[in-house]
């Protein structure tokens, strides 16, 4: 039975054989847990998922978020600097100006206004609410992105048009930040943010929207 399954898989893969990008090759039964720029430093774990047909990186190359195969030393820089900045407390600084700035409050997942003195601040300081949210916050307005891997993991994303969290299938690597393990985590991060974002974007209009989590 197993041999028949493999034969069918190979036949289908051959029929659907695709052209691969540079530094990659087609494999009818390649790993479903490829090395990526996000996981190649992690301890080795045996892949428990069935093999899958498709383009796989050549030896010595791993997948970047773009889907391209690159050498590990050429992986894009990580988000360590961004994470450090966004988790710092707001800092007024030593100068005496009273400048309006925005900082990211990691406890609430929102950007809030504060007064900046003009010097000796830190990285958690943005000119506008929108700049702050785009840099630090989970992107609740991004379309669901399965990524470049093939593990078929159930995840949730926030649909800003319907103001609801919905199920989608995530491949296991890459993608974007509109990706949550549980529906509760999805609403916790994005259910509040829809109202907060709109009230800041349209301060002169009365906005009435229904959200699933009213505890603002």
C-alpha atoms as a PDB file:
ATOM      1  CA  UNK A   1       0.000   0.000   0.000  1.00  0.00           C
ATOM      2  CA  UNK A   2       2.806   2.381   0.889  1.00  0.00           C
ATOM      3  CA  UNK A   3       4.581   1.653  -2.410  1.00  0.00           C
ATOM      4  CA  UNK A   4       1.378   2.403  -4.300  1.00  0.00           C
ATOM      5  CA  UNK A   5       1.013   5.706  -2.446  1.00  0.00           C
ATOM      6  CA  UNK A   6       4.580   6.708  -3.287  1.00  0.00           C
ATOM      7  CA  UNK A   7       4.070   5.719  -6.918  1.00  0.00           C
ATOM      8  CA  UNK A   8       0.935   7.869  -7.163  1.00  0.00           C
ATOM      9  CA  UNK A   9       2.722  10.771  -5.473  1.00  0.00           C
ATOM     10  CA  UNK A  10       5.629  10.553  -7.905  1.00  0.00           C
ATOM     11  CA  UNK A  11       3.297  10.334 -10.890  1.00  0.00           C
ATOM     12  CA  UNK A  12       1.360  13.407  -9.808  1.00  0.00           C
ATOM     13  CA  UNK A  13       4.545  15.279  -9.009  1.00  0.00           C
ATOM     14  CA  UNK A  14       6.024  14.484 -12.425  1.00  0.00           C
ATOM     15  CA  UNK A  15       2.871  15.701 -14.139  1.00  0.00           C
ATOM     16  CA  UNK A  16       2.960  18.945 -12.188  1.00  0.00           C
ATOM     17  CA  UNK A  17       6.715  19.457 -12.337  1.00  0.00           C
ATOM     18  CA  UNK A  18       7.501  23.144 -12.100  1.00  0.00           C
ATOM     19  CA  UNK A  19      10.375  25.399 -13.024  1.00  0.00           C
ATOM     20  CA  UNK A  20      12.429  26.365  -9.993  1.00  0.00           C
ATOM     21  CA  UNK A  21      14.294  29.565  -9.177  1.00  0.00           C
ATOM     22  CA  UNK A  22      18.048  29.967  -8.882  1.00  0.00           C
ATOM     23  CA  UNK A  23      19.767  27.821  -6.214  1.00  0.00           C
ATOM     24  CA  UNK A  24      16.787  25.456  -6.034  1.00  0.00           C
ATOM     25  CA  UNK A  25      15.691  22.267  -7.742  1.00  0.00           C
ATOM     26  CA  UNK A  26      12.532  20.253  -8.186  1.00  0.00           C
ATOM     27  CA  UNK A  27      12.043  17.294  -5.877  1.00  0.00           C
ATOM     28  CA  UNK A  28       9.063  14.966  -6.146  1.00  0.00           C
ATOM     29  CA  UNK A  29       9.260  14.018  -2.480  1.00  0.00           C
ATOM     30  CA  UNK A  30      11.178  16.718  -0.632  1.00  0.00           C
ATOM     31  CA  UNK A  31      11.025  17.640   3.028  1.00  0.00           C
ATOM     32  CA  UNK A  32       7.982  19.484   4.348  1.00  0.00           C
ATOM     33  CA  UNK A  33      10.158  21.093   7.041  1.00  0.00           C
ATOM     34  CA  UNK A  34      12.873  22.925   5.087  1.00  0.00           C
ATOM     35  CA  UNK A  35      15.574  24.993   6.703  1.00  0.00           C
ATOM     36  CA  UNK A  36      14.756  28.692   6.585  1.00  0.00           C
ATOM     37  CA  UNK A  37      16.322  31.966   7.670  1.00  0.00           C
ATOM     38  CA  UNK A  38      13.997  31.822  10.685  1.00  0.00           C
ATOM     39  CA  UNK A  39      14.817  28.309  11.920  1.00  0.00           C
ATOM     40  CA  UNK A  40      18.281  27.280  10.722  1.00  0.00           C
ATOM     41  CA  UNK A  41      19.887  28.154  14.073  1.00  0.00           C
ATOM     42  CA  UNK A  42      17.362  26.050  16.010  1.00  0.00           C
ATOM     43  CA  UNK A  43      18.280  22.565  17.319  1.00  0.00           C
ATOM     44  CA  UNK A  44      17.587  19.828  14.772  1.00  0.00           C
ATOM     45  CA  UNK A  45      14.165  18.197  14.985  1.00  0.00           C
ATOM     46  CA  UNK A  46      13.043  15.310  12.817  1.00  0.00           C
ATOM     47  CA  UNK A  47      10.264  16.313  10.421  1.00  0.00           C
ATOM     48  CA  UNK A  48       7.062  14.403  11.234  1.00  0.00           C
ATOM     49  CA  UNK A  49       5.141  15.510   8.139  1.00  0.00           C
ATOM     50  CA  UNK A  50       4.897  13.599   4.822  1.00  0.00           C
ATOM     51  CA  UNK A  51       7.205  14.609   2.015  1.00  0.00           C
ATOM     52  CA  UNK A  52       5.871  17.007  -0.603  1.00  0.00           C
ATOM     53  CA  UNK A  53       6.608  17.772  -4.264  1.00  0.00           C
ATOM     54  CA  UNK A  54       7.934  21.173  -5.211  1.00  0.00           C
ATOM     55  CA  UNK A  55      10.999  23.374  -5.438  1.00  0.00           C
ATOM     56  CA  UNK A  56      13.572  22.821  -2.700  1.00  0.00           C
ATOM     57  CA  UNK A  57      16.812  24.648  -1.974  1.00  0.00           C
ATOM     58  CA  UNK A  58      20.122  23.266  -3.213  1.00  0.00           C
ATOM     59  CA  UNK A  59      22.614  21.983  -0.592  1.00  0.00           C
ATOM     60  CA  UNK A  60      24.134  24.912   1.303  1.00  0.00           C
ATOM     61  CA  UNK A  61      21.107  27.150   0.704  1.00  0.00           C
ATOM     62  CA  UNK A  62      18.035  27.859   2.822  1.00  0.00           C
ATOM     63  CA  UNK A  63      14.727  29.638   2.241  1.00  0.00           C
ATOM     64  CA  UNK A  64      14.316  33.334   2.965  1.00  0.00           C
ATOM     65  CA  UNK A  65      10.917  34.922   3.677  1.00  0.00           C
ATOM     66  CA  UNK A  66      10.741  35.944   0.026  1.00  0.00           C
ATOM     67  CA  UNK A  67      10.713  32.279  -0.986  1.00  0.00           C
ATOM     68  CA  UNK A  68      14.159  32.597  -2.597  1.00  0.00           C
ATOM     69  CA  UNK A  69      17.004  30.263  -1.648  1.00  0.00           C
ATOM     70  CA  UNK A  70      20.005  32.036  -0.106  1.00  0.00           C
ATOM     71  CA  UNK A  71      23.125  31.095   1.813  1.00  0.00           C
ATOM     72  CA  UNK A  72      22.651  31.398   5.590  1.00  0.00           C
ATOM     73  CA  UNK A  73      25.098  34.294   5.814  1.00  0.00           C
ATOM     74  CA  UNK A  74      22.989  36.211   3.288  1.00  0.00           C
ATOM     75  CA  UNK A  75      19.750  35.970   5.239  1.00  0.00           C
ATOM     76  CA  UNK A  76      18.089  39.343   5.869  1.00  0.00           C
ATOM     77  CA  UNK A  77      18.735  40.897   9.264  1.00  0.00           C
ATOM     78  CA  UNK A  78      16.405  39.770  12.011  1.00  0.00           C
ATOM     79  CA  UNK A  79      13.902  41.966  13.801  1.00  0.00           C
ATOM     80  CA  UNK A  80      15.991  42.099  16.996  1.00  0.00           C
ATOM     81  CA  UNK A  81      16.422  45.889  16.783  1.00  0.00           C
ATOM     82  CA  UNK A  82      12.737  46.462  16.164  1.00  0.00           C
ATOM     83  CA  UNK A  83      11.745  44.198  19.058  1.00  0.00           C
ATOM     84  CA  UNK A  84      14.162  46.023  21.383  1.00  0.00           C
ATOM     85  CA  UNK A  85      12.827  49.452  20.384  1.00  0.00           C
ATOM     86  CA  UNK A  86       9.171  48.519  20.621  1.00  0.00           C
ATOM     87  CA  UNK A  87       9.499  47.053  24.120  1.00  0.00           C
ATOM     88  CA  UNK A  88      11.297  50.042  25.637  1.00  0.00           C
ATOM     89  CA  UNK A  89       9.307  52.404  27.885  1.00  0.00           C
ATOM     90  CA  UNK A  90       8.688  55.921  26.542  1.00  0.00           C
ATOM     91  CA  UNK A  91      11.537  58.292  27.367  1.00  0.00           C
ATOM     92  CA  UNK A  92      11.019  62.059  27.550  1.00  0.00           C
ATOM     93  CA  UNK A  93      14.751  62.788  27.429  1.00  0.00           C
ATOM     94  CA  UNK A  94      16.748  65.589  29.047  1.00  0.00           C
ATOM     95  CA  UNK A  95      15.725  68.557  26.900  1.00  0.00           C
ATOM     96  CA  UNK A  96      12.851  70.925  27.678  1.00  0.00           C
ATOM     97  CA  UNK A  97      10.815  70.956  24.465  1.00  0.00           C
ATOM     98  CA  UNK A  98       7.259  69.641  24.461  1.00  0.00           C
ATOM     99  CA  UNK A  99       7.012  67.602  21.270  1.00  0.00           C
ATOM    100  CA  UNK A 100       4.159  65.252  20.501  1.00  0.00           C
ATOM    101  CA  UNK A 101       5.407  61.714  19.841  1.00  0.00           C
ATOM    102  CA  UNK A 102       3.969  58.206  19.874  1.00  0.00           C
ATOM    103  CA  UNK A 103       5.317  55.098  21.598  1.00  0.00           C
ATOM    104  CA  UNK A 104       4.279  51.454  21.402  1.00  0.00           C
ATOM    105  CA  UNK A 105       2.754  50.075  24.599  1.00  0.00           C
ATOM    106  CA  UNK A 106       3.607  46.368  24.450  1.00  0.00           C
ATOM    107  CA  UNK A 107       1.226  45.566  27.318  1.00  0.00           C
ATOM    108  CA  UNK A 108      -1.862  46.744  25.438  1.00  0.00           C
ATOM    109  CA  UNK A 109      -0.604  46.276  21.875  1.00  0.00           C
ATOM    110  CA  UNK A 110      -1.462  49.917  21.106  1.00  0.00           C
ATOM    111  CA  UNK A 111       0.466  53.068  20.229  1.00  0.00           C
ATOM    112  CA  UNK A 112      -0.013  55.945  22.663  1.00  0.00           C
ATOM    113  CA  UNK A 113       0.926  59.607  22.630  1.00  0.00           C
ATOM    114  CA  UNK A 114       3.557  61.077  24.966  1.00  0.00           C
ATOM    115  CA  UNK A 115       5.572  64.273  25.327  1.00  0.00           C
ATOM    116  CA  UNK A 116       9.171  64.145  24.095  1.00  0.00           C
ATOM    117  CA  UNK A 117      11.714  66.685  25.317  1.00  0.00           C
ATOM    118  CA  UNK A 118      13.683  66.813  22.066  1.00  0.00           C
ATOM    119  CA  UNK A 119      16.877  64.906  22.894  1.00  0.00           C
ATOM    120  CA  UNK A 120      18.254  61.806  24.662  1.00  0.00           C
ATOM    121  CA  UNK A 121      15.184  59.684  23.921  1.00  0.00           C
ATOM    122  CA  UNK A 122      15.125  56.091  22.707  1.00  0.00           C
ATOM    123  CA  UNK A 123      13.968  54.062  19.707  1.00  0.00           C
ATOM    124  CA  UNK A 124      10.370  53.757  20.891  1.00  0.00           C
ATOM    125  CA  UNK A 125       9.434  57.227  19.628  1.00  0.00           C
ATOM    126  CA  UNK A 126       7.495  57.916  16.430  1.00  0.00           C
ATOM    127  CA  UNK A 127       6.219  61.036  14.706  1.00  0.00           C
ATOM    128  CA  UNK A 128       2.714  59.679  14.090  1.00  0.00           C
ATOM    129  CA  UNK A 129       0.349  57.027  15.369  1.00  0.00           C
ATOM    130  CA  UNK A 130       0.381  55.303  11.985  1.00  0.00           C
ATOM    131  CA  UNK A 131       4.186  55.156  11.817  1.00  0.00           C
ATOM    132  CA  UNK A 132       4.250  53.599  15.284  1.00  0.00           C
ATOM    133  CA  UNK A 133       1.603  50.986  14.459  1.00  0.00           C
ATOM    134  CA  UNK A 134       3.231  50.037  11.162  1.00  0.00           C
ATOM    135  CA  UNK A 135       6.635  49.558  12.809  1.00  0.00           C
ATOM    136  CA  UNK A 136       5.704  47.790  16.036  1.00  0.00           C
ATOM    137  CA  UNK A 137       2.204  46.377  16.009  1.00  0.00           C
ATOM    138  CA  UNK A 138       0.829  43.112  14.731  1.00  0.00           C
ATOM    139  CA  UNK A 139      -0.497  43.816  11.236  1.00  0.00           C
ATOM    140  CA  UNK A 140      -4.181  43.059  11.689  1.00  0.00           C
ATOM    141  CA  UNK A 141      -4.906  44.349   8.181  1.00  0.00           C
ATOM    142  CA  UNK A 142      -2.578  42.032   6.241  1.00  0.00           C
ATOM    143  CA  UNK A 143      -4.059  39.292   4.081  1.00  0.00           C
ATOM    144  CA  UNK A 144      -3.546  35.715   5.338  1.00  0.00           C
ATOM    145  CA  UNK A 145      -0.200  34.419   4.086  1.00  0.00           C
ATOM    146  CA  UNK A 146       0.538  30.654   4.205  1.00  0.00           C
ATOM    147  CA  UNK A 147       4.293  31.211   3.817  1.00  0.00           C
ATOM    148  CA  UNK A 148       6.710  29.036   1.857  1.00  0.00           C
ATOM    149  CA  UNK A 149       6.658  25.730   3.776  1.00  0.00           C
ATOM    150  CA  UNK A 150       4.245  22.806   3.563  1.00  0.00           C
ATOM    151  CA  UNK A 151       3.290  21.668   7.062  1.00  0.00           C
ATOM    152  CA  UNK A 152      -0.439  22.600   6.836  1.00  0.00           C
ATOM    153  CA  UNK A 153      -0.914  24.041  10.318  1.00  0.00           C
ATOM    154  CA  UNK A 154      -4.318  25.488  11.305  1.00  0.00           C
ATOM    155  CA  UNK A 155      -3.983  29.158  12.296  1.00  0.00           C
ATOM    156  CA  UNK A 156      -6.231  32.206  12.645  1.00  0.00           C
ATOM    157  CA  UNK A 157      -6.064  35.589  10.938  1.00  0.00           C
ATOM    158  CA  UNK A 158      -8.044  38.779  11.474  1.00  0.00           C
ATOM    159  CA  UNK A 159     -10.360  39.814   8.636  1.00  0.00           C
ATOM    160  CA  UNK A 160     -10.648  43.584   9.031  1.00  0.00           C
ATOM    161  CA  UNK A 161     -13.527  43.839   6.529  1.00  0.00           C
ATOM    162  CA  UNK A 162     -15.761  41.497   8.532  1.00  0.00           C
ATOM    163  CA  UNK A 163     -14.132  42.333  11.886  1.00  0.00           C
ATOM    164  CA  UNK A 164     -13.776  38.647  12.667  1.00  0.00           C
ATOM    165  CA  UNK A 165     -11.019  36.080  13.204  1.00  0.00           C
ATOM    166  CA  UNK A 166     -11.015  33.257  10.673  1.00  0.00           C
ATOM    167  CA  UNK A 167      -9.229  29.966  10.160  1.00  0.00           C
ATOM    168  CA  UNK A 168      -6.543  29.512   7.495  1.00  0.00           C
ATOM    169  CA  UNK A 169      -3.796  26.992   6.765  1.00  0.00           C
ATOM    170  CA  UNK A 170      -0.223  28.073   7.505  1.00  0.00           C
ATOM    171  CA  UNK A 171       2.748  26.303   5.929  1.00  0.00           C
ATOM    172  CA  UNK A 172       5.050  26.681   8.925  1.00  0.00           C
ATOM    173  CA  UNK A 173       7.545  29.361   7.870  1.00  0.00           C
ATOM    174  CA  UNK A 174       7.489  32.894   6.456  1.00  0.00           C
ATOM    175  CA  UNK A 175       4.151  34.637   6.173  1.00  0.00           C
ATOM    176  CA  UNK A 176       3.248  37.760   8.135  1.00  0.00           C
ATOM    177  CA  UNK A 177       2.219  38.771  11.654  1.00  0.00           C
ATOM    178  CA  UNK A 178      -1.527  38.366  11.062  1.00  0.00           C
ATOM    179  CA  UNK A 179      -1.126  34.780  12.217  1.00  0.00           C
ATOM    180  CA  UNK A 180      -2.326  33.411  15.566  1.00  0.00           C
ATOM    181  CA  UNK A 181      -2.316  29.959  17.146  1.00  0.00           C
ATOM    182  CA  UNK A 182      -5.725  30.395  18.805  1.00  0.00           C
ATOM    183  CA  UNK A 183      -8.833  32.398  18.005  1.00  0.00           C
ATOM    184  CA  UNK A 184      -8.596  33.968  21.477  1.00  0.00           C
ATOM    185  CA  UNK A 185      -5.086  35.241  20.706  1.00  0.00           C
ATOM    186  CA  UNK A 186      -6.362  36.662  17.413  1.00  0.00           C
ATOM    187  CA  UNK A 187      -9.201  38.618  19.031  1.00  0.00           C
ATOM    188  CA  UNK A 188      -6.949  39.650  21.910  1.00  0.00           C
ATOM    189  CA  UNK A 189      -4.479  41.273  19.509  1.00  0.00           C
ATOM    190  CA  UNK A 190      -6.771  42.576  16.795  1.00  0.00           C
ATOM    191  CA  UNK A 191     -10.330  42.810  18.132  1.00  0.00           C
ATOM    192  CA  UNK A 192      -9.537  45.921  20.146  1.00  0.00           C
ATOM    193  CA  UNK A 193      -7.228  47.421  17.578  1.00  0.00           C
ATOM    194  CA  UNK A 194      -9.847  47.950  14.859  1.00  0.00           C
ATOM    195  CA  UNK A 195     -11.738  50.472  16.944  1.00  0.00           C
ATOM    196  CA  UNK A 196      -8.592  52.112  18.317  1.00  0.00           C
ATOM    197  CA  UNK A 197      -7.064  52.456  14.846  1.00  0.00           C
ATOM    198  CA  UNK A 198     -10.176  53.995  13.285  1.00  0.00           C
ATOM    199  CA  UNK A 199     -10.702  56.467  16.110  1.00  0.00           C
ATOM    200  CA  UNK A 200      -7.140  57.705  15.637  1.00  0.00           C
ATOM    201  CA  UNK A 201      -7.328  57.729  11.851  1.00  0.00           C
ATOM    202  CA  UNK A 202     -10.651  59.611  11.743  1.00  0.00           C
ATOM    203  CA  UNK A 203     -10.702  61.751  14.925  1.00  0.00           C
ATOM    204  CA  UNK A 204     -13.328  64.173  13.595  1.00  0.00           C
ATOM    205  CA  UNK A 205     -15.918  61.546  12.747  1.00  0.00           C
ATOM    206  CA  UNK A 206     -18.135  59.589  15.071  1.00  0.00           C
ATOM    207  CA  UNK A 207     -17.424  55.956  14.373  1.00  0.00           C
ATOM    208  CA  UNK A 208     -19.717  53.182  15.451  1.00  0.00           C
ATOM    209  CA  UNK A 209     -18.391  49.688  14.883  1.00  0.00           C
ATOM    210  CA  UNK A 210     -19.047  46.342  16.503  1.00  0.00           C
ATOM    211  CA  UNK A 211     -16.085  44.457  17.861  1.00  0.00           C
ATOM    212  CA  UNK A 212     -15.946  41.117  19.613  1.00  0.00           C
ATOM    213  CA  UNK A 213     -13.957  42.390  22.580  1.00  0.00           C
ATOM    214  CA  UNK A 214     -15.381  45.545  24.128  1.00  0.00           C
ATOM    215  CA  UNK A 215     -12.941  45.657  27.054  1.00  0.00           C
ATOM    216  CA  UNK A 216     -10.921  48.680  25.947  1.00  0.00           C
END
